């Protein structure tokens, strides 16, 4: 009888994997260095190449806490901003507030490059001199916000669709930034000779770089308050499997 229970549990777990896994996407974690490096390299290239040139653009580096928040919120499978990003101290253990960009796509069409490029293309809607948008440009201005120096991203496959978007299986990709940009008052950066605004720092590809600031700090004891609940909220098969497994193993 015990053997039958274990075999049944194995079948359930295999079915769960088939139901909820989008193939290669399921193996991309917030600790995957290829994933991280592509995000950082692309962001820093865009930040380095802004026109007109920036005098105070900081080099962007990875942050474990921001990635955890992005991962937890992506698991909700909802195309709306995380309400904790604008609540003091809720979205990160050190940053008071955080910024957020979101992108959704069909599973077979998703790549990190495509999603970042879509955000970057919003530059065509932005006028630096007037600091106004002709259409959507918040994703772009957050990408090139000079004082944002940390980023953490995550993606999640939503097999039952994405709330406030559509019911088809899809991928949601989220990047969180600290400190946040888009304060509605300031311009994204100051114009000038690259790195002129950071004379005591290293100038790397027209970006202000400082090793201490770019250190990747791990927040092993911190997770967003909804981190565990989010796993079950958007994955009813996982919840069902957990209940059945608990019964089988009792």
C-alpha atoms as a PDB file:
ATOM      1  CA  UNK A   1       0.000   0.000   0.000  1.00  0.00           C
ATOM      2  CA  UNK A   2       2.824   2.369   0.877  1.00  0.00           C
ATOM      3  CA  UNK A   3       4.469   1.671  -2.493  1.00  0.00           C
ATOM      4  CA  UNK A   4       1.241   2.489  -4.330  1.00  0.00           C
ATOM      5  CA  UNK A   5       0.972   5.785  -2.462  1.00  0.00           C
ATOM      6  CA  UNK A   6       4.520   6.770  -3.414  1.00  0.00           C
ATOM      7  CA  UNK A   7       3.957   5.833  -7.067  1.00  0.00           C
ATOM      8  CA  UNK A   8       0.761   7.876  -7.104  1.00  0.00           C
ATOM      9  CA  UNK A   9       2.592  10.849  -5.633  1.00  0.00           C
ATOM     10  CA  UNK A  10       5.298  10.548  -8.289  1.00  0.00           C
ATOM     11  CA  UNK A  11       2.709  10.607 -11.072  1.00  0.00           C
ATOM     12  CA  UNK A  12       1.062  13.677  -9.546  1.00  0.00           C
ATOM     13  CA  UNK A  13       4.351  15.561  -9.365  1.00  0.00           C
ATOM     14  CA  UNK A  14       5.166  14.678 -12.966  1.00  0.00           C
ATOM     15  CA  UNK A  15       1.757  15.918 -14.129  1.00  0.00           C
ATOM     16  CA  UNK A  16       2.294  19.104 -12.158  1.00  0.00           C
ATOM     17  CA  UNK A  17       5.605  19.681 -13.910  1.00  0.00           C
ATOM     18  CA  UNK A  18       4.033  19.190 -17.330  1.00  0.00           C
ATOM     19  CA  UNK A  19       1.160  21.534 -16.456  1.00  0.00           C
ATOM     20  CA  UNK A  20       3.143  24.398 -15.014  1.00  0.00           C
ATOM     21  CA  UNK A  21       6.522  24.281 -16.746  1.00  0.00           C
ATOM     22  CA  UNK A  22       7.275  26.319 -19.881  1.00  0.00           C
ATOM     23  CA  UNK A  23      10.398  24.333 -20.730  1.00  0.00           C
ATOM     24  CA  UNK A  24      13.645  26.289 -20.560  1.00  0.00           C
ATOM     25  CA  UNK A  25      11.964  29.277 -18.876  1.00  0.00           C
ATOM     26  CA  UNK A  26      11.235  27.166 -15.808  1.00  0.00           C
ATOM     27  CA  UNK A  27      14.959  26.772 -15.189  1.00  0.00           C
ATOM     28  CA  UNK A  28      15.782  30.481 -15.184  1.00  0.00           C
ATOM     29  CA  UNK A  29      16.123  31.584 -11.567  1.00  0.00           C
ATOM     30  CA  UNK A  30      17.062  34.892  -9.989  1.00  0.00           C
ATOM     31  CA  UNK A  31      20.515  33.382  -9.394  1.00  0.00           C
ATOM     32  CA  UNK A  32      21.122  32.354 -13.011  1.00  0.00           C
ATOM     33  CA  UNK A  33      24.251  34.283 -14.024  1.00  0.00           C
ATOM     34  CA  UNK A  34      23.485  34.258 -17.741  1.00  0.00           C
ATOM     35  CA  UNK A  35      20.080  35.784 -16.988  1.00  0.00           C
ATOM     36  CA  UNK A  36      21.594  38.345 -14.604  1.00  0.00           C
ATOM     37  CA  UNK A  37      24.448  39.354 -16.904  1.00  0.00           C
ATOM     38  CA  UNK A  38      22.177  39.860 -19.900  1.00  0.00           C
ATOM     39  CA  UNK A  39      19.961  42.172 -17.872  1.00  0.00           C
ATOM     40  CA  UNK A  40      22.885  44.136 -16.447  1.00  0.00           C
ATOM     41  CA  UNK A  41      24.834  44.393 -19.701  1.00  0.00           C
ATOM     42  CA  UNK A  42      21.800  45.578 -21.639  1.00  0.00           C
ATOM     43  CA  UNK A  43      20.721  48.111 -19.030  1.00  0.00           C
ATOM     44  CA  UNK A  44      24.210  49.551 -18.623  1.00  0.00           C
ATOM     45  CA  UNK A  45      24.656  49.797 -22.389  1.00  0.00           C
ATOM     46  CA  UNK A  46      21.419  51.745 -22.676  1.00  0.00           C
ATOM     47  CA  UNK A  47      22.411  53.967 -19.748  1.00  0.00           C
ATOM     48  CA  UNK A  48      25.833  54.607 -21.241  1.00  0.00           C
ATOM     49  CA  UNK A  49      24.414  55.556 -24.633  1.00  0.00           C
ATOM     50  CA  UNK A  50      21.749  58.084 -23.596  1.00  0.00           C
ATOM     51  CA  UNK A  51      21.408  61.200 -25.703  1.00  0.00           C
ATOM     52  CA  UNK A  52      22.087  63.877 -24.693  1.00  0.00           C
ATOM     53  CA  UNK A  53      24.974  62.483 -22.644  1.00  0.00           C
ATOM     54  CA  UNK A  54      24.628  62.103 -18.867  1.00  0.00           C
ATOM     55  CA  UNK A  55      27.119  63.509 -16.373  1.00  0.00           C
ATOM     56  CA  UNK A  56      25.872  61.514 -13.385  1.00  0.00           C
ATOM     57  CA  UNK A  57      24.667  58.125 -14.655  1.00  0.00           C
ATOM     58  CA  UNK A  58      25.434  55.400 -12.102  1.00  0.00           C
ATOM     59  CA  UNK A  59      26.539  51.903 -13.052  1.00  0.00           C
ATOM     60  CA  UNK A  60      23.698  49.454 -12.395  1.00  0.00           C
ATOM     61  CA  UNK A  61      24.393  46.270 -10.392  1.00  0.00           C
ATOM     62  CA  UNK A  62      22.342  43.293  -9.211  1.00  0.00           C
ATOM     63  CA  UNK A  63      20.411  43.152  -5.948  1.00  0.00           C
ATOM     64  CA  UNK A  64      19.138  39.957  -4.358  1.00  0.00           C
ATOM     65  CA  UNK A  65      16.339  41.652  -2.415  1.00  0.00           C
ATOM     66  CA  UNK A  66      14.905  43.396  -5.474  1.00  0.00           C
ATOM     67  CA  UNK A  67      15.006  40.101  -7.370  1.00  0.00           C
ATOM     68  CA  UNK A  68      13.146  38.332  -4.549  1.00  0.00           C
ATOM     69  CA  UNK A  69      10.405  40.955  -4.651  1.00  0.00           C
ATOM     70  CA  UNK A  70      10.157  40.674  -8.442  1.00  0.00           C
ATOM     71  CA  UNK A  71       9.964  36.884  -8.187  1.00  0.00           C
ATOM     72  CA  UNK A  72       7.266  36.925  -5.513  1.00  0.00           C
ATOM     73  CA  UNK A  73       5.085  39.427  -7.368  1.00  0.00           C
ATOM     74  CA  UNK A  74       5.529  37.694 -10.738  1.00  0.00           C
ATOM     75  CA  UNK A  75       4.089  34.513  -9.202  1.00  0.00           C
ATOM     76  CA  UNK A  76       0.823  36.337  -8.567  1.00  0.00           C
ATOM     77  CA  UNK A  77       0.392  36.343 -12.376  1.00  0.00           C
ATOM     78  CA  UNK A  78      -1.234  39.760 -12.437  1.00  0.00           C
ATOM     79  CA  UNK A  79      -0.431  42.553 -14.888  1.00  0.00           C
ATOM     80  CA  UNK A  80      -0.483  45.416 -12.408  1.00  0.00           C
ATOM     81  CA  UNK A  81       2.166  47.069 -10.284  1.00  0.00           C
ATOM     82  CA  UNK A  82       3.101  45.652  -6.915  1.00  0.00           C
ATOM     83  CA  UNK A  83       1.379  47.885  -4.317  1.00  0.00           C
ATOM     84  CA  UNK A  84       4.313  47.409  -1.932  1.00  0.00           C
ATOM     85  CA  UNK A  85       6.672  49.306  -4.225  1.00  0.00           C
ATOM     86  CA  UNK A  86       5.213  52.608  -3.011  1.00  0.00           C
ATOM     87  CA  UNK A  87       4.824  51.606   0.650  1.00  0.00           C
ATOM     88  CA  UNK A  88       7.649  52.657   2.942  1.00  0.00           C
ATOM     89  CA  UNK A  89      10.002  49.753   3.624  1.00  0.00           C
ATOM     90  CA  UNK A  90       7.669  47.055   2.274  1.00  0.00           C
ATOM     91  CA  UNK A  91       9.371  46.133  -0.997  1.00  0.00           C
ATOM     92  CA  UNK A  92      12.969  45.853   0.173  1.00  0.00           C
ATOM     93  CA  UNK A  93      14.931  45.477   3.431  1.00  0.00           C
ATOM     94  CA  UNK A  94      16.977  48.645   2.799  1.00  0.00           C
ATOM     95  CA  UNK A  95      15.387  50.784   0.076  1.00  0.00           C
ATOM     96  CA  UNK A  96      12.431  52.791   1.391  1.00  0.00           C
ATOM     97  CA  UNK A  97      10.673  52.576  -1.977  1.00  0.00           C
ATOM     98  CA  UNK A  98      11.383  50.748  -5.235  1.00  0.00           C
ATOM     99  CA  UNK A  99      10.714  51.190  -8.947  1.00  0.00           C
ATOM    100  CA  UNK A 100       9.181  48.552 -11.182  1.00  0.00           C
ATOM    101  CA  UNK A 101       8.960  47.678 -14.884  1.00  0.00           C
ATOM    102  CA  UNK A 102       6.718  44.885 -16.188  1.00  0.00           C
ATOM    103  CA  UNK A 103       6.476  42.990 -19.466  1.00  0.00           C
ATOM    104  CA  UNK A 104       4.194  40.141 -20.546  1.00  0.00           C
ATOM    105  CA  UNK A 105       4.341  37.958 -23.639  1.00  0.00           C
ATOM    106  CA  UNK A 106       3.368  34.564 -25.048  1.00  0.00           C
ATOM    107  CA  UNK A 107       5.783  31.914 -23.803  1.00  0.00           C
ATOM    108  CA  UNK A 108       7.269  31.099 -27.209  1.00  0.00           C
ATOM    109  CA  UNK A 109       7.927  34.786 -27.934  1.00  0.00           C
ATOM    110  CA  UNK A 110       9.721  35.709 -24.711  1.00  0.00           C
ATOM    111  CA  UNK A 111      13.386  36.634 -24.522  1.00  0.00           C
ATOM    112  CA  UNK A 112      15.102  38.960 -22.085  1.00  0.00           C
ATOM    113  CA  UNK A 113      16.493  40.953 -25.012  1.00  0.00           C
ATOM    114  CA  UNK A 114      13.059  41.508 -26.549  1.00  0.00           C
ATOM    115  CA  UNK A 115      11.485  42.646 -23.300  1.00  0.00           C
ATOM    116  CA  UNK A 116      14.268  45.120 -22.524  1.00  0.00           C
ATOM    117  CA  UNK A 117      14.178  46.394 -26.087  1.00  0.00           C
ATOM    118  CA  UNK A 118      10.437  47.077 -25.828  1.00  0.00           C
ATOM    119  CA  UNK A 119      11.048  49.213 -22.752  1.00  0.00           C
ATOM    120  CA  UNK A 120      13.958  50.973 -24.413  1.00  0.00           C
ATOM    121  CA  UNK A 121      11.939  51.796 -27.531  1.00  0.00           C
ATOM    122  CA  UNK A 122       9.796  54.067 -25.377  1.00  0.00           C
ATOM    123  CA  UNK A 123      12.630  56.585 -25.703  1.00  0.00           C
ATOM    124  CA  UNK A 124      10.946  57.614 -28.948  1.00  0.00           C
ATOM    125  CA  UNK A 125       8.075  58.954 -26.844  1.00  0.00           C
ATOM    126  CA  UNK A 126      10.273  60.901 -24.431  1.00  0.00           C
ATOM    127  CA  UNK A 127      11.530  64.471 -24.804  1.00  0.00           C
ATOM    128  CA  UNK A 128      14.403  65.108 -22.416  1.00  0.00           C
ATOM    129  CA  UNK A 129      14.263  68.887 -22.715  1.00  0.00           C
ATOM    130  CA  UNK A 130      10.574  69.155 -21.840  1.00  0.00           C
ATOM    131  CA  UNK A 131      10.692  66.071 -19.590  1.00  0.00           C
ATOM    132  CA  UNK A 132       7.405  64.921 -21.093  1.00  0.00           C
ATOM    133  CA  UNK A 133       6.119  61.813 -22.831  1.00  0.00           C
ATOM    134  CA  UNK A 134       4.088  61.556 -25.996  1.00  0.00           C
ATOM    135  CA  UNK A 135       2.635  58.207 -25.045  1.00  0.00           C
ATOM    136  CA  UNK A 136       4.133  55.692 -22.641  1.00  0.00           C
ATOM    137  CA  UNK A 137       7.738  56.179 -21.528  1.00  0.00           C
ATOM    138  CA  UNK A 138       7.864  55.283 -17.826  1.00  0.00           C
ATOM    139  CA  UNK A 139       9.659  51.996 -18.480  1.00  0.00           C
ATOM    140  CA  UNK A 140      12.349  53.768 -20.483  1.00  0.00           C
ATOM    141  CA  UNK A 141      12.898  56.592 -18.000  1.00  0.00           C
ATOM    142  CA  UNK A 142      13.212  54.092 -15.155  1.00  0.00           C
ATOM    143  CA  UNK A 143      15.817  52.159 -17.131  1.00  0.00           C
ATOM    144  CA  UNK A 144      17.956  55.262 -17.564  1.00  0.00           C
ATOM    145  CA  UNK A 145      17.254  56.952 -14.226  1.00  0.00           C
ATOM    146  CA  UNK A 146      20.702  58.107 -13.123  1.00  0.00           C
ATOM    147  CA  UNK A 147      20.360  57.619  -9.365  1.00  0.00           C
ATOM    148  CA  UNK A 148      18.953  54.078  -9.604  1.00  0.00           C
ATOM    149  CA  UNK A 149      21.981  51.858  -9.025  1.00  0.00           C
ATOM    150  CA  UNK A 150      20.474  48.469  -8.115  1.00  0.00           C
ATOM    151  CA  UNK A 151      18.233  46.125 -10.078  1.00  0.00           C
ATOM    152  CA  UNK A 152      16.664  42.722  -9.507  1.00  0.00           C
ATOM    153  CA  UNK A 153      14.477  40.884 -12.016  1.00  0.00           C
ATOM    154  CA  UNK A 154      12.482  37.679 -12.294  1.00  0.00           C
ATOM    155  CA  UNK A 155      10.236  35.921 -14.776  1.00  0.00           C
ATOM    156  CA  UNK A 156       7.413  33.476 -14.270  1.00  0.00           C
ATOM    157  CA  UNK A 157       5.335  31.235 -16.489  1.00  0.00           C
ATOM    158  CA  UNK A 158       1.597  31.665 -15.862  1.00  0.00           C
ATOM    159  CA  UNK A 159      -0.102  28.550 -17.182  1.00  0.00           C
ATOM    160  CA  UNK A 160      -3.614  29.786 -16.397  1.00  0.00           C
ATOM    161  CA  UNK A 161      -3.158  33.201 -17.950  1.00  0.00           C
ATOM    162  CA  UNK A 162      -2.271  36.611 -16.553  1.00  0.00           C
ATOM    163  CA  UNK A 163      -4.889  38.551 -14.626  1.00  0.00           C
ATOM    164  CA  UNK A 164      -5.738  41.960 -16.144  1.00  0.00           C
ATOM    165  CA  UNK A 165      -4.124  40.857 -19.426  1.00  0.00           C
ATOM    166  CA  UNK A 166      -5.599  37.665 -20.920  1.00  0.00           C
ATOM    167  CA  UNK A 167      -6.392  34.041 -20.091  1.00  0.00           C
ATOM    168  CA  UNK A 168      -3.809  32.486 -22.378  1.00  0.00           C
ATOM    169  CA  UNK A 169      -0.653  30.939 -20.908  1.00  0.00           C
ATOM    170  CA  UNK A 170       2.069  33.557 -20.839  1.00  0.00           C
ATOM    171  CA  UNK A 171       5.261  34.831 -19.285  1.00  0.00           C
ATOM    172  CA  UNK A 172       5.494  37.805 -16.966  1.00  0.00           C
ATOM    173  CA  UNK A 173       8.862  39.545 -16.556  1.00  0.00           C
ATOM    174  CA  UNK A 174       9.474  42.089 -13.802  1.00  0.00           C
ATOM    175  CA  UNK A 175      12.441  44.285 -12.931  1.00  0.00           C
ATOM    176  CA  UNK A 176      12.625  46.229  -9.681  1.00  0.00           C
ATOM    177  CA  UNK A 177      14.936  49.210  -9.205  1.00  0.00           C
ATOM    178  CA  UNK A 178      16.422  50.919  -6.189  1.00  0.00           C
ATOM    179  CA  UNK A 179      16.201  53.690  -5.431  1.00  0.00           C
ATOM    180  CA  UNK A 180      13.194  54.275  -7.715  1.00  0.00           C
ATOM    181  CA  UNK A 181      13.003  56.736 -10.573  1.00  0.00           C
ATOM    182  CA  UNK A 182      10.070  58.525 -12.172  1.00  0.00           C
ATOM    183  CA  UNK A 183       9.419  60.980  -9.350  1.00  0.00           C
ATOM    184  CA  UNK A 184       7.396  63.170 -11.782  1.00  0.00           C
ATOM    185  CA  UNK A 185       9.487  66.217 -10.884  1.00  0.00           C
ATOM    186  CA  UNK A 186      13.117  65.552 -11.803  1.00  0.00           C
ATOM    187  CA  UNK A 187      14.634  64.689 -15.151  1.00  0.00           C
ATOM    188  CA  UNK A 188      16.137  61.195 -15.428  1.00  0.00           C
ATOM    189  CA  UNK A 189      19.699  62.531 -15.381  1.00  0.00           C
ATOM    190  CA  UNK A 190      21.800  65.670 -15.709  1.00  0.00           C
ATOM    191  CA  UNK A 191      23.331  66.597 -19.042  1.00  0.00           C
ATOM    192  CA  UNK A 192      27.082  66.969 -19.221  1.00  0.00           C
ATOM    193  CA  UNK A 193      30.449  65.359 -19.773  1.00  0.00           C
ATOM    194  CA  UNK A 194      30.177  61.680 -18.767  1.00  0.00           C
ATOM    195  CA  UNK A 195      31.164  61.104 -15.129  1.00  0.00           C
ATOM    196  CA  UNK A 196      31.705  64.822 -14.499  1.00  0.00           C
ATOM    197  CA  UNK A 197      29.125  64.557 -11.744  1.00  0.00           C
ATOM    198  CA  UNK A 198      31.043  61.818  -9.902  1.00  0.00           C
ATOM    199  CA  UNK A 199      34.686  62.995  -9.804  1.00  0.00           C
ATOM    200  CA  UNK A 200      35.650  60.653  -6.948  1.00  0.00           C
ATOM    201  CA  UNK A 201      34.409  57.523  -8.715  1.00  0.00           C
ATOM    202  CA  UNK A 202      35.721  55.386 -11.559  1.00  0.00           C
ATOM    203  CA  UNK A 203      34.368  56.226 -14.998  1.00  0.00           C
ATOM    204  CA  UNK A 204      33.450  52.969 -16.762  1.00  0.00           C
ATOM    205  CA  UNK A 205      31.961  53.297 -20.239  1.00  0.00           C
ATOM    206  CA  UNK A 206      30.578  56.734 -19.354  1.00  0.00           C
ATOM    207  CA  UNK A 207      29.041  55.400 -16.121  1.00  0.00           C
ATOM    208  CA  UNK A 208      29.966  56.275 -12.536  1.00  0.00           C
ATOM    209  CA  UNK A 209      31.288  53.125 -10.889  1.00  0.00           C
ATOM    210  CA  UNK A 210      32.111  52.365  -7.258  1.00  0.00           C
ATOM    211  CA  UNK A 211      33.010  48.859  -6.089  1.00  0.00           C
ATOM    212  CA  UNK A 212      31.470  49.215  -2.626  1.00  0.00           C
ATOM    213  CA  UNK A 213      28.127  50.294  -4.080  1.00  0.00           C
ATOM    214  CA  UNK A 214      28.130  47.465  -6.618  1.00  0.00           C
ATOM    215  CA  UNK A 215      28.755  44.697  -4.098  1.00  0.00           C
ATOM    216  CA  UNK A 216      26.009  42.053  -4.335  1.00  0.00           C
ATOM    217  CA  UNK A 217      24.511  41.743  -0.887  1.00  0.00           C
ATOM    218  CA  UNK A 218      22.523  38.611  -0.070  1.00  0.00           C
ATOM    219  CA  UNK A 219      19.422  38.934   2.079  1.00  0.00           C
ATOM    220  CA  UNK A 220      19.203  35.318   3.224  1.00  0.00           C
ATOM    221  CA  UNK A 221      16.805  36.010   6.090  1.00  0.00           C
ATOM    222  CA  UNK A 222      14.492  38.368   4.209  1.00  0.00           C
ATOM    223  CA  UNK A 223      11.658  37.660   1.802  1.00  0.00           C
ATOM    224  CA  UNK A 224       8.574  39.676   0.805  1.00  0.00           C
ATOM    225  CA  UNK A 225       5.635  38.972   3.119  1.00  0.00           C
ATOM    226  CA  UNK A 226       3.651  37.380   0.269  1.00  0.00           C
ATOM    227  CA  UNK A 227       6.541  35.263  -1.067  1.00  0.00           C
ATOM    228  CA  UNK A 228       5.246  31.828  -0.026  1.00  0.00           C
ATOM    229  CA  UNK A 229       1.565  32.625  -0.509  1.00  0.00           C
ATOM    230  CA  UNK A 230       2.241  33.788  -4.070  1.00  0.00           C
ATOM    231  CA  UNK A 231       3.415  30.307  -5.071  1.00  0.00           C
ATOM    232  CA  UNK A 232      -0.013  28.853  -4.330  1.00  0.00           C
ATOM    233  CA  UNK A 233      -2.098  31.891  -5.320  1.00  0.00           C
ATOM    234  CA  UNK A 234      -1.340  31.516  -9.020  1.00  0.00           C
ATOM    235  CA  UNK A 235      -0.763  27.763  -9.109  1.00  0.00           C
ATOM    236  CA  UNK A 236      -3.907  25.890  -8.203  1.00  0.00           C
ATOM    237  CA  UNK A 237      -2.465  22.536  -9.403  1.00  0.00           C
ATOM    238  CA  UNK A 238       0.393  22.978  -6.937  1.00  0.00           C
ATOM    239  CA  UNK A 239      -2.062  23.649  -4.132  1.00  0.00           C
ATOM    240  CA  UNK A 240      -4.124  20.589  -5.064  1.00  0.00           C
ATOM    241  CA  UNK A 241      -1.027  18.413  -5.331  1.00  0.00           C
ATOM    242  CA  UNK A 242       0.180  19.598  -1.929  1.00  0.00           C
ATOM    243  CA  UNK A 243      -3.128  18.678  -0.317  1.00  0.00           C
ATOM    244  CA  UNK A 244      -3.167  15.233  -1.933  1.00  0.00           C
ATOM    245  CA  UNK A 245       0.494  14.655  -1.058  1.00  0.00           C
ATOM    246  CA  UNK A 246      -0.197  15.522   2.569  1.00  0.00           C
ATOM    247  CA  UNK A 247      -2.988  12.959   2.602  1.00  0.00           C
ATOM    248  CA  UNK A 248      -0.878  10.254   0.963  1.00  0.00           C
ATOM    249  CA  UNK A 249       2.064  10.754   3.286  1.00  0.00           C
ATOM    250  CA  UNK A 250       0.094  10.930   6.517  1.00  0.00           C
END
